Amino acid sequence: VITKEIAPDLVLTNAYYLHSIFKKWMTGNIWIKDDRIVYAGKEMPKIE
């Protein structure tokens, strides 16, 4: 999914999310495969 060979199951776009380590709000896209977040950041994944 990270290398964009396959697509995630769910993508949350334009997510204004709380980053616990920075203790700040960030805007990005959250990629989910099965039960796991595989990426949260500015990039978009492959879409199927």
All heavy atoms as atom14 arrays in JSON, in Angstrom:
{
  "sequence": "VITKEIAPDLVLTNAYYLHSIFKKWMTGNIWIKDDRIVYAGKEMPKIE",
  "atom14_mask": [
    [1, 1, 1, 1, 1, 1, 1, 0, 0, 0, 0, 0, 0, 0],
    [1, 1, 1, 1, 1, 1, 1, 1, 0, 0, 0, 0, 0, 0],
    [1, 1, 1, 1, 1, 1, 1, 0, 0, 0, 0, 0, 0, 0],
    [1, 1, 1, 1, 1, 1, 1, 1, 1, 0, 0, 0, 0, 0],
    [1, 1, 1, 1, 1, 1, 1, 1, 1, 0, 0, 0, 0, 0],
    [1, 1, 1, 1, 1, 1, 1, 1, 0, 0, 0, 0, 0, 0],
    [1, 1, 1, 1, 1, 0, 0, 0, 0, 0, 0, 0, 0, 0],
    [1, 1, 1, 1, 1, 1, 1, 0, 0, 0, 0, 0, 0, 0],
    [1, 1, 1, 1, 1, 1, 1, 1, 0, 0, 0, 0, 0, 0],
    [1, 1, 1, 1, 1, 1, 1, 1, 0, 0, 0, 0, 0, 0],
    [1, 1, 1, 1, 1, 1, 1, 0, 0, 0, 0, 0, 0, 0],
    [1, 1, 1, 1, 1, 1, 1, 1, 0, 0, 0, 0, 0, 0],
    [1, 1, 1, 1, 1, 1, 1, 0, 0, 0, 0, 0, 0, 0],
    [1, 1, 1, 1, 1, 1, 1, 1, 0, 0, 0, 0, 0, 0],
    [1, 1, 1, 1, 1, 0, 0, 0, 0, 0, 0, 0, 0, 0],
    [1, 1, 1, 1, 1, 1, 1, 1, 1, 1, 1, 1, 0, 0],
    [1, 1, 1, 1, 1, 1, 1, 1, 1, 1, 1, 1, 0, 0],
    [1, 1, 1, 1, 1, 1, 1, 1, 0, 0, 0, 0, 0, 0],
    [1, 1, 1, 1, 1, 1, 1, 1, 1, 1, 0, 0, 0, 0],
    [1, 1, 1, 1, 1, 1, 0, 0, 0, 0, 0, 0, 0, 0],
    [1, 1, 1, 1, 1, 1, 1, 1, 0, 0, 0, 0, 0, 0],
    [1, 1, 1, 1, 1, 1, 1, 1, 1, 1, 1, 0, 0, 0],
    [1, 1, 1, 1, 1, 1, 1, 1, 1, 0, 0, 0, 0, 0],
    [1, 1, 1, 1, 1, 1, 1, 1, 1, 0, 0, 0, 0, 0],
    [1, 1, 1, 1, 1, 1, 1, 1, 1, 1, 1, 1, 1, 1],
    [1, 1, 1, 1, 1, 1, 1, 1, 0, 0, 0, 0, 0, 0],
    [1, 1, 1, 1, 1, 1, 1, 0, 0, 0, 0, 0, 0, 0],
    [1, 1, 1, 1, 0, 0, 0, 0, 0, 0, 0, 0, 0, 0],
    [1, 1, 1, 1, 1, 1, 1, 1, 0, 0, 0, 0, 0, 0],
    [1, 1, 1, 1, 1, 1, 1, 1, 0, 0, 0, 0, 0, 0],
    [1, 1, 1, 1, 1, 1, 1, 1, 1, 1, 1, 1, 1, 1],
    [1, 1, 1, 1, 1, 1, 1, 1, 0, 0, 0, 0, 0, 0],
    [1, 1, 1, 1, 1, 1, 1, 1, 1, 0, 0, 0, 0, 0],
    [1, 1, 1, 1, 1, 1, 1, 1, 0, 0, 0, 0, 0, 0],
    [1, 1, 1, 1, 1, 1, 1, 1, 0, 0, 0, 0, 0, 0],
    [1, 1, 1, 1, 1, 1, 1, 1, 1, 1, 1, 0, 0, 0],
    [1, 1, 1, 1, 1, 1, 1, 1, 0, 0, 0, 0, 0, 0],
    [1, 1, 1, 1, 1, 1, 1, 0, 0, 0, 0, 0, 0, 0],
    [1, 1, 1, 1, 1, 1, 1, 1, 1, 1, 1, 1, 0, 0],
    [1, 1, 1, 1, 1, 0, 0, 0, 0, 0, 0, 0, 0, 0],
    [1, 1, 1, 1, 0, 0, 0, 0, 0, 0, 0, 0, 0, 0],
    [1, 1, 1, 1, 1, 1, 1, 1, 1, 0, 0, 0, 0, 0],
    [1, 1, 1, 1, 1, 1, 1, 1, 1, 0, 0, 0, 0, 0],
    [1, 1, 1, 1, 1, 1, 1, 1, 0, 0, 0, 0, 0, 0],
    [1, 1, 1, 1, 1, 1, 1, 0, 0, 0, 0, 0, 0, 0],
    [1, 1, 1, 1, 1, 1, 1, 1, 1, 0, 0, 0, 0, 0],
    [1, 1, 1, 1, 1, 1, 1, 1, 0, 0, 0, 0, 0, 0],
    [1, 1, 1, 1, 1, 1, 1, 1, 1, 0, 0, 0, 0, 0]
  ],
  "atom14_positions": [
    [[0.85, -1.2, 0.0], [0.0, 0.0, 0.0], [0.88, 1.25, 0.0], [0.62, 2.22, -0.73], [-0.95, 0.0, 1.22], [-1.74, 1.3, 1.28], [-1.9, -1.19, 1.17], [0.0, 0.0, 0.0], [0.0, 0.0, 0.0], [0.0, 0.0, 0.0], [0.0, 0.0, 0.0], [0.0, 0.0, 0.0], [0.0, 0.0, 0.0], [0.0, 0.0, 0.0]],
    [[1.94, 1.23, 0.81], [2.85, 2.37, 0.87], [3.51, 2.62, -0.5], [3.64, 3.77, -0.94], [3.94, 2.14, 1.94], [3.3, 2.08, 3.33], [5.01, 3.23, 1.88], [2.77, 3.39, 3.84], [0.0, 0.0, 0.0], [0.0, 0.0, 0.0], [0.0, 0.0, 0.0], [0.0, 0.0, 0.0], [0.0, 0.0, 0.0], [0.0, 0.0, 0.0]],
    [[3.91, 1.55, -1.19], [4.58, 1.7, -2.49], [3.59, 1.86, -3.63], [3.98, 1.92, -4.8], [5.48, 0.49, -2.74], [4.71, -0.72, -2.68], [6.61, 0.41, -1.73], [0.0, 0.0, 0.0], [0.0, 0.0, 0.0], [0.0, 0.0, 0.0], [0.0, 0.0, 0.0], [0.0, 0.0, 0.0], [0.0, 0.0, 0.0], [0.0, 0.0, 0.0]],
    [[2.31, 1.92, -3.29], [1.22, 2.16, -4.25], [1.09, 1.05, -5.3], [0.61, 1.26, -6.4], [1.36, 3.53, -4.92], [1.37, 4.69, -3.92], [1.34, 6.05, -4.59], [1.38, 7.17, -3.55], [1.31, 8.52, -4.14], [0.0, 0.0, 0.0], [0.0, 0.0, 0.0], [0.0, 0.0, 0.0], [0.0, 0.0, 0.0], [0.0, 0.0, 0.0]],
    [[1.5, -0.16, -4.88], [1.24, -1.33, -5.74], [-0.21, -1.78, -5.6], [-0.8, -2.29, -6.55], [2.18, -2.48, -5.36], [3.66, -2.18, -5.57], [4.54, -3.28, -5.01], [4.42, -4.43, -5.49], [5.33, -3.0, -4.08], [0.0, 0.0, 0.0], [0.0, 0.0, 0.0], [0.0, 0.0, 0.0], [0.0, 0.0, 0.0], [0.0, 0.0, 0.0]],
    [[-0.77, -1.62, -4.39], [-2.17, -1.94, -4.17], [-2.8, -0.78, -3.41], [-2.09, 0.1, -2.87], [-2.36, -3.26, -3.39], [-1.73, -3.15, -1.98], [-1.76, -4.44, -4.15], [-2.01, -4.36, -1.11], [0.0, 0.0, 0.0], [0.0, 0.0, 0.0], [0.0, 0.0, 0.0], [0.0, 0.0, 0.0], [0.0, 0.0, 0.0], [0.0, 0.0, 0.0]],
    [[-4.12, -0.78, -3.35], [-4.85, 0.31, -2.71], [-5.24, -0.07, -1.27], [-5.44, -1.25, -0.96], [-6.1, 0.65, -3.51], [0.0, 0.0, 0.0], [0.0, 0.0, 0.0], [0.0, 0.0, 0.0], [0.0, 0.0, 0.0], [0.0, 0.0, 0.0], [0.0, 0.0, 0.0], [0.0, 0.0, 0.0], [0.0, 0.0, 0.0], [0.0, 0.0, 0.0]],
    [[-5.36, 0.91, -0.39], [-5.91, 0.63, 0.95], [-7.41, 0.37, 0.86], [-8.04, 0.55, -0.19], [-5.61, 1.9, 1.72], [-5.58, 2.98, 0.69], [-5.04, 2.33, -0.56], [0.0, 0.0, 0.0], [0.0, 0.0, 0.0], [0.0, 0.0, 0.0], [0.0, 0.0, 0.0], [0.0, 0.0, 0.0], [0.0, 0.0, 0.0], [0.0, 0.0, 0.0]],
    [[-7.98, -0.07, 1.98], [-9.43, -0.31, 2.03], [-10.21, 0.98, 2.22], [-11.31, 1.13, 1.71], [-9.75, -1.27, 3.17], [-9.05, -2.6, 3.03], [-9.08, -3.15, 1.92], [-8.47, -3.07, 4.03], [0.0, 0.0, 0.0], [0.0, 0.0, 0.0], [0.0, 0.0, 0.0], [0.0, 0.0, 0.0], [0.0, 0.0, 0.0], [0.0, 0.0, 0.0]],
    [[-9.63, 1.91, 2.99], [-10.34, 3.14, 3.36], [-9.34, 4.29, 3.38], [-8.22, 4.15, 3.89], [-10.97, 2.97, 4.75], [-11.59, 4.2, 5.42], [-12.75, 4.76, 4.6], [-12.05, 3.87, 6.84], [0.0, 0.0, 0.0], [0.0, 0.0, 0.0], [0.0, 0.0, 0.0], [0.0, 0.0, 0.0], [0.0, 0.0, 0.0], [0.0, 0.0, 0.0]],
    [[-9.75, 5.41, 2.83], [-8.94, 6.63, 2.87], [-9.81, 7.76, 3.44], [-10.89, 8.04, 2.91], [-8.41, 7.03, 1.49], [-7.53, 8.28, 1.61], [-7.62, 5.89, 0.86], [0.0, 0.0, 0.0], [0.0, 0.0, 0.0], [0.0, 0.0, 0.0], [0.0, 0.0, 0.0], [0.0, 0.0, 0.0], [0.0, 0.0, 0.0], [0.0, 0.0, 0.0]],
    [[-9.32, 8.38, 4.51], [-9.98, 9.55, 5.08], [-9.22, 10.77, 4.57], [-8.06, 10.99, 4.95], [-9.96, 9.49, 6.6], [-10.56, 8.22, 7.24], [-10.38, 8.23, 8.76], [-12.03, 8.06, 6.87], [0.0, 0.0, 0.0], [0.0, 0.0, 0.0], [0.0, 0.0, 0.0], [0.0, 0.0, 0.0], [0.0, 0.0, 0.0], [0.0, 0.0, 0.0]],
    [[-9.84, 11.53, 3.7], [-9.16, 12.67, 3.09], [-9.47, 13.96, 3.84], [-10.51, 14.08, 4.49], [-9.56, 12.82, 1.61], [-10.96, 13.1, 1.54], [-9.24, 11.56, 0.83], [0.0, 0.0, 0.0], [0.0, 0.0, 0.0], [0.0, 0.0, 0.0], [0.0, 0.0, 0.0], [0.0, 0.0, 0.0], [0.0, 0.0, 0.0], [0.0, 0.0, 0.0]],
    [[-8.54, 14.93, 3.72], [-8.7, 16.24, 4.36], [-9.01, 16.1, 5.85], [-9.84, 16.83, 6.4], [-9.79, 17.06, 3.67], [-9.45, 17.31, 2.21], [-8.35, 17.75, 1.88], [-10.39, 17.0, 1.32], [0.0, 0.0, 0.0], [0.0, 0.0, 0.0], [0.0, 0.0, 0.0], [0.0, 0.0, 0.0], [0.0, 0.0, 0.0], [0.0, 0.0, 0.0]],
    [[-8.35, 15.13, 6.47], [-8.59, 14.88, 7.89], [-7.82, 15.9, 8.73], [-6.6, 16.04, 8.59], [-8.16, 13.47, 8.25], [0.0, 0.0, 0.0], [0.0, 0.0, 0.0], [0.0, 0.0, 0.0], [0.0, 0.0, 0.0], [0.0, 0.0, 0.0], [0.0, 0.0, 0.0], [0.0, 0.0, 0.0], [0.0, 0.0, 0.0], [0.0, 0.0, 0.0]],
    [[-8.52, 16.6, 9.59], [-7.91, 17.51, 10.55], [-7.76, 16.71, 11.85], [-8.71, 16.55, 12.62], [-8.81, 18.73, 10.75], [-8.19, 19.86, 11.54], [-7.04, 20.51, 11.09], [-8.76, 20.29, 12.73], [-6.48, 21.56, 11.81], [-8.22, 21.34, 13.46], [-7.07, 21.97, 12.99], [-6.51, 23.02, 13.7], [0.0, 0.0, 0.0], [0.0, 0.0, 0.0]],
    [[-6.56, 16.15, 12.06], [-6.42, 15.15, 13.11], [-5.41, 15.58, 14.17], [-4.48, 16.34, 13.91], [-6.02, 13.79, 12.51], [-4.67, 13.72, 11.83], [-3.55, 13.23, 12.51], [-4.51, 14.11, 10.5], [-2.32, 13.14, 11.89], [-3.28, 14.02, 9.86], [-2.18, 13.54, 10.57], [-0.96, 13.45, 9.95], [0.0, 0.0, 0.0], [0.0, 0.0, 0.0]],
    [[-5.62, 15.07, 15.36], [-4.77, 15.38, 16.5], [-3.57, 14.45, 16.49], [-3.72, 13.23, 16.59], [-5.56, 15.22, 17.81], [-4.79, 15.41, 19.12], [-4.15, 16.79, 19.17], [-5.72, 15.21, 20.31], [0.0, 0.0, 0.0], [0.0, 0.0, 0.0], [0.0, 0.0, 0.0], [0.0, 0.0, 0.0], [0.0, 0.0, 0.0], [0.0, 0.0, 0.0]],
    [[-2.39, 15.04, 16.39], [-1.17, 14.25, 16.46], [-0.67, 14.28, 17.91], [-0.27, 15.32, 18.43], [-0.09, 14.79, 15.52], [0.99, 13.79, 15.24], [1.91, 13.42, 16.18], [1.28, 13.07, 14.12], [2.74, 12.52, 15.68], [2.37, 12.29, 14.42], [0.0, 0.0, 0.0], [0.0, 0.0, 0.0], [0.0, 0.0, 0.0], [0.0, 0.0, 0.0]],
    [[-0.7, 13.12, 18.54], [-0.46, 13.05, 19.99], [0.96, 13.41, 20.38], [1.19, 13.92, 21.49], [-0.79, 11.63, 20.48], [-2.09, 11.25, 20.11], [0.0, 0.0, 0.0], [0.0, 0.0, 0.0], [0.0, 0.0, 0.0], [0.0, 0.0, 0.0], [0.0, 0.0, 0.0], [0.0, 0.0, 0.0], [0.0, 0.0, 0.0], [0.0, 0.0, 0.0]],
    [[1.92, 13.12, 19.52], [3.31, 13.37, 19.87], [3.65, 14.86, 19.76], [4.26, 15.44, 20.66], [4.25, 12.51, 19.0], [4.0, 11.03, 19.32], [5.71, 12.89, 19.24], [4.67, 10.07, 18.38], [0.0, 0.0, 0.0], [0.0, 0.0, 0.0], [0.0, 0.0, 0.0], [0.0, 0.0, 0.0], [0.0, 0.0, 0.0], [0.0, 0.0, 0.0]],
    [[3.21, 15.49, 18.69], [3.43, 16.93, 18.53], [2.46, 17.77, 19.37], [2.69, 18.97, 19.56], [3.29, 17.32, 17.06], [4.43, 16.87, 16.19], [4.29, 15.76, 15.36], [5.65, 17.54, 16.2], [5.34, 15.34, 14.56], [6.7, 17.13, 15.4], [6.55, 16.02, 14.57], [0.0, 0.0, 0.0], [0.0, 0.0, 0.0], [0.0, 0.0, 0.0]],
    [[1.35, 17.13, 19.83], [0.28, 17.84, 20.54], [-0.22, 19.01, 19.68], [-0.4, 20.13, 20.16], [0.73, 18.31, 21.92], [1.0, 17.18, 22.9], [1.34, 17.68, 24.3], [0.15, 18.31, 24.98], [0.41, 18.64, 26.39], [0.0, 0.0, 0.0], [0.0, 0.0, 0.0], [0.0, 0.0, 0.0], [0.0, 0.0, 0.0], [0.0, 0.0, 0.0]],
    [[-0.42, 18.7, 18.39], [-0.88, 19.71, 17.43], [-1.91, 19.08, 16.51], [-1.96, 17.86, 16.32], [0.3, 20.23, 16.6], [1.29, 21.09, 17.36], [2.55, 21.35, 16.54], [2.25, 22.02, 15.22], [3.5, 22.34, 14.47], [0.0, 0.0, 0.0], [0.0, 0.0, 0.0], [0.0, 0.0, 0.0], [0.0, 0.0, 0.0], [0.0, 0.0, 0.0]],
    [[-2.72, 19.95, 15.9], [-3.64, 19.52, 14.87], [-2.94, 19.57, 13.52], [-2.24, 20.53, 13.22], [-4.89, 20.41, 14.86], [-5.68, 20.28, 16.12], [-5.62, 21.1, 17.2], [-6.64, 19.26, 16.42], [-6.48, 20.65, 18.18], [-7.12, 19.52, 17.73], [-7.13, 18.15, 15.73], [-8.08, 18.72, 18.34], [-8.08, 17.34, 16.34], [-8.54, 17.63, 17.63]],
    [[-3.12, 18.53, 12.75], [-2.52, 18.45, 11.42], [-3.59, 18.11, 10.4], [-4.61, 17.5, 10.72], [-1.43, 17.38, 11.39], [-0.25, 17.67, 12.31], [1.07, 16.46, 12.12], [2.36, 17.21, 13.13], [0.0, 0.0, 0.0], [0.0, 0.0, 0.0], [0.0, 0.0, 0.0], [0.0, 0.0, 0.0], [0.0, 0.0, 0.0], [0.0, 0.0, 0.0]],
    [[-3.36, 18.49, 9.16], [-4.28, 18.16, 8.07], [-3.58, 17.19, 7.12], [-2.44, 17.41, 6.73], [-4.7, 19.41, 7.3], [-5.33, 20.33, 8.2], [-5.69, 19.06, 6.19], [0.0, 0.0, 0.0], [0.0, 0.0, 0.0], [0.0, 0.0, 0.0], [0.0, 0.0, 0.0], [0.0, 0.0, 0.0], [0.0, 0.0, 0.0], [0.0, 0.0, 0.0]],
    [[-4.28, 16.12, 6.81], [-3.69, 15.13, 5.91], [-4.68, 14.05, 5.54], [-5.9, 14.2, 5.74], [0.0, 0.0, 0.0], [0.0, 0.0, 0.0], [0.0, 0.0, 0.0], [0.0, 0.0, 0.0], [0.0, 0.0, 0.0], [0.0, 0.0, 0.0], [0.0, 0.0, 0.0], [0.0, 0.0, 0.0], [0.0, 0.0, 0.0], [0.0, 0.0, 0.0]],
    [[-4.17, 12.96, 5.0], [-4.98, 11.84, 4.56], [-4.55, 10.59, 5.33], [-3.37, 10.33, 5.5], [-4.8, 11.61, 3.06], [-5.06, 12.88, 2.26], [-6.13, 13.48, 2.37], [-4.07, 13.32, 1.48], [0.0, 0.0, 0.0], [0.0, 0.0, 0.0], [0.0, 0.0, 0.0], [0.0, 0.0, 0.0], [0.0, 0.0, 0.0], [0.0, 0.0, 0.0]],
    [[-5.53, 9.84, 5.78], [-5.26, 8.66, 6.6], [-5.62, 7.42, 5.78], [-6.78, 7.27, 5.35], [-6.07, 8.71, 7.91], [-5.73, 9.98, 8.7], [-5.8, 7.46, 8.76], [-6.66, 10.24, 9.88], [0.0, 0.0, 0.0], [0.0, 0.0, 0.0], [0.0, 0.0, 0.0], [0.0, 0.0, 0.0], [0.0, 0.0, 0.0], [0.0, 0.0, 0.0]],
    [[-4.63, 6.54, 5.56], [-4.84, 5.33, 4.78], [-5.01, 4.15, 5.73], [-4.19, 3.96, 6.64], [-3.66, 5.03, 3.87], [-3.12, 6.15, 3.03], [-3.58, 7.43, 2.93], [-1.97, 6.06, 2.2], [-2.79, 8.16, 2.07], [-1.79, 7.35, 1.6], [-1.07, 5.04, 1.87], [-0.76, 7.62, 0.7], [-0.04, 5.3, 0.98], [0.11, 6.59, 0.4]],
    [[-6.02, 3.35, 5.5], [-6.3, 2.22, 6.38], [-6.37, 0.94, 5.54], [-7.11, 0.87, 4.55], [-7.62, 2.43, 7.15], [-7.48, 3.64, 8.09], [-8.0, 1.18, 7.94], [-8.78, 4.1, 8.72], [0.0, 0.0, 0.0], [0.0, 0.0, 0.0], [0.0, 0.0, 0.0], [0.0, 0.0, 0.0], [0.0, 0.0, 0.0], [0.0, 0.0, 0.0]],
    [[-5.63, -0.06, 5.98], [-5.67, -1.39, 5.37], [-6.08, -2.38, 6.45], [-5.39, -2.52, 7.48], [-4.3, -1.76, 4.8], [-4.16, -3.2, 4.29], [-5.03, -3.45, 3.06], [-4.73, -4.86, 2.51], [-5.68, -5.21, 1.44], [0.0, 0.0, 0.0], [0.0, 0.0, 0.0], [0.0, 0.0, 0.0], [0.0, 0.0, 0.0], [0.0, 0.0, 0.0]],
    [[-7.19, -3.05, 6.25], [-7.73, -3.96, 7.26], [-7.89, -3.21, 8.58], [-8.63, -2.25, 8.64], [-6.86, -5.21, 7.4], [-6.83, -6.03, 6.11], [-7.88, -6.11, 5.45], [-5.76, -6.57, 5.76], [0.0, 0.0, 0.0], [0.0, 0.0, 0.0], [0.0, 0.0, 0.0], [0.0, 0.0, 0.0], [0.0, 0.0, 0.0], [0.0, 0.0, 0.0]],
    [[-7.17, -3.62, 9.63], [-7.37, -3.0, 10.95], [-6.29, -2.0, 11.32], [-6.21, -1.56, 12.46], [-7.45, -4.09, 12.03], [-6.19, -4.95, 12.1], [-5.3, -4.76, 11.26], [-6.12, -5.82, 13.0], [0.0, 0.0, 0.0], [0.0, 0.0, 0.0], [0.0, 0.0, 0.0], [0.0, 0.0, 0.0], [0.0, 0.0, 0.0], [0.0, 0.0, 0.0]],
    [[-5.45, -1.6, 10.32], [-4.24, -0.85, 10.65], [-4.11, 0.44, 9.83], [-4.47, 0.47, 8.64], [-3.02, -1.73, 10.39], [-1.74, -1.29, 11.08], [-0.63, -2.3, 10.82], [0.5, -2.08, 11.71], [1.68, -2.7, 11.62], [1.86, -3.61, 10.67], [2.66, -2.44, 12.46], [0.0, 0.0, 0.0], [0.0, 0.0, 0.0], [0.0, 0.0, 0.0]],
    [[-3.63, 1.49, 10.48], [-3.24, 2.7, 9.75], [-1.9, 2.42, 9.08], [-0.92, 2.09, 9.76], [-3.11, 3.91, 10.71], [-4.44, 4.23, 11.39], [-2.6, 5.14, 9.95], [-4.33, 5.27, 12.49], [0.0, 0.0, 0.0], [0.0, 0.0, 0.0], [0.0, 0.0, 0.0], [0.0, 0.0, 0.0], [0.0, 0.0, 0.0], [0.0, 0.0, 0.0]],
    [[-1.85, 2.52, 7.77], [-0.58, 2.3, 7.08], [0.12, 3.62, 6.74], [1.31, 3.62, 6.44], [-0.76, 1.44, 5.81], [-1.25, 0.05, 6.17], [-1.69, 2.1, 4.82], [0.0, 0.0, 0.0], [0.0, 0.0, 0.0], [0.0, 0.0, 0.0], [0.0, 0.0, 0.0], [0.0, 0.0, 0.0], [0.0, 0.0, 0.0], [0.0, 0.0, 0.0]],
    [[-0.63, 4.72, 6.83], [-0.01, 6.01, 6.52], [-0.95, 7.12, 6.99], [-2.18, 7.0, 6.9], [0.24, 6.15, 5.02], [0.75, 7.5, 4.58], [2.13, 7.77, 4.58], [-0.11, 8.51, 4.16], [2.61, 9.02, 4.18], [0.37, 9.76, 3.77], [1.73, 10.0, 3.78], [2.21, 11.23, 3.39], [0.0, 0.0, 0.0], [0.0, 0.0, 0.0]],
    [[-0.36, 8.2, 7.51], [-1.11, 9.43, 7.79], [-0.2, 10.59, 7.45], [0.88, 10.75, 8.03], [-1.54, 9.48, 9.25], [0.0, 0.0, 0.0], [0.0, 0.0, 0.0], [0.0, 0.0, 0.0], [0.0, 0.0, 0.0], [0.0, 0.0, 0.0], [0.0, 0.0, 0.0], [0.0, 0.0, 0.0], [0.0, 0.0, 0.0], [0.0, 0.0, 0.0]],
    [[-0.59, 11.37, 6.46], [0.24, 12.48, 6.0], [-0.36, 13.16, 4.78], [-1.57, 13.04, 4.52], [0.0, 0.0, 0.0], [0.0, 0.0, 0.0], [0.0, 0.0, 0.0], [0.0, 0.0, 0.0], [0.0, 0.0, 0.0], [0.0, 0.0, 0.0], [0.0, 0.0, 0.0], [0.0, 0.0, 0.0], [0.0, 0.0, 0.0], [0.0, 0.0, 0.0]],
    [[0.47, 13.87, 4.02], [-0.02, 14.67, 2.9], [-0.31, 13.85, 1.64], [-1.09, 14.28, 0.78], [1.01, 15.75, 2.56], [1.28, 16.74, 3.7], [0.05, 17.56, 4.03], [0.36, 18.62, 5.08], [-0.86, 19.41, 5.45], [0.0, 0.0, 0.0], [0.0, 0.0, 0.0], [0.0, 0.0, 0.0], [0.0, 0.0, 0.0], [0.0, 0.0, 0.0]],
    [[0.33, 12.69, 1.5], [0.22, 11.92, 0.26], [-1.16, 11.27, 0.11], [-1.86, 11.02, 1.1], [1.3, 10.83, 0.22], [2.71, 11.35, 0.11], [3.0, 11.94, -1.25], [2.52, 11.38, -2.26], [3.7, 12.97, -1.3], [0.0, 0.0, 0.0], [0.0, 0.0, 0.0], [0.0, 0.0, 0.0], [0.0, 0.0, 0.0], [0.0, 0.0, 0.0]],
    [[-1.5, 10.97, -1.16], [-2.67, 10.15, -1.46], [-2.19, 8.79, -1.97], [-1.18, 8.69, -2.66], [-3.54, 10.82, -2.51], [-4.48, 11.88, -1.95], [-5.78, 11.2, -0.87], [-6.84, 10.38, -2.09], [0.0, 0.0, 0.0], [0.0, 0.0, 0.0], [0.0, 0.0, 0.0], [0.0, 0.0, 0.0], [0.0, 0.0, 0.0], [0.0, 0.0, 0.0]],
    [[-2.94, 7.71, -1.67], [-2.53, 6.38, -2.1], [-3.06, 6.06, -3.49], [-3.76, 6.87, -4.12], [-3.19, 5.48, -1.07], [-4.49, 6.19, -0.79], [-4.17, 7.66, -0.85], [0.0, 0.0, 0.0], [0.0, 0.0, 0.0], [0.0, 0.0, 0.0], [0.0, 0.0, 0.0], [0.0, 0.0, 0.0], [0.0, 0.0, 0.0], [0.0, 0.0, 0.0]],
    [[-2.73, 4.87, -3.94], [-3.38, 4.34, -5.13], [-4.85, 4.13, -4.81], [-5.2, 3.67, -3.72], [-2.73, 3.02, -5.53], [-3.36, 2.37, -6.76], [-2.64, 1.06, -7.11], [-3.27, 0.45, -8.36], [-2.6, -0.81, -8.75], [0.0, 0.0, 0.0], [0.0, 0.0, 0.0], [0.0, 0.0, 0.0], [0.0, 0.0, 0.0], [0.0, 0.0, 0.0]],
    [[-5.71, 4.48, -5.72], [-7.15, 4.33, -5.54], [-7.68, 3.31, -6.53], [-7.39, 3.39, -7.72], [-7.88, 5.68, -5.71], [-7.34, 6.72, -4.7], [-9.38, 5.5, -5.56], [-7.59, 6.38, -3.26], [0.0, 0.0, 0.0], [0.0, 0.0, 0.0], [0.0, 0.0, 0.0], [0.0, 0.0, 0.0], [0.0, 0.0, 0.0], [0.0, 0.0, 0.0]],
    [[-8.47, 2.37, -6.04], [-9.13, 1.38, -6.88], [-10.63, 1.47, -6.65], [-11.09, 2.11, -5.69], [-8.61, -0.02, -6.56], [-7.14, -0.22, -6.93], [-6.63, -1.61, -6.56], [-7.35, -2.33, -5.83], [-5.51, -1.97, -6.99], [0.0, 0.0, 0.0], [0.0, 0.0, 0.0], [0.0, 0.0, 0.0], [0.0, 0.0, 0.0], [0.0, 0.0, 0.0]]
  ]
}
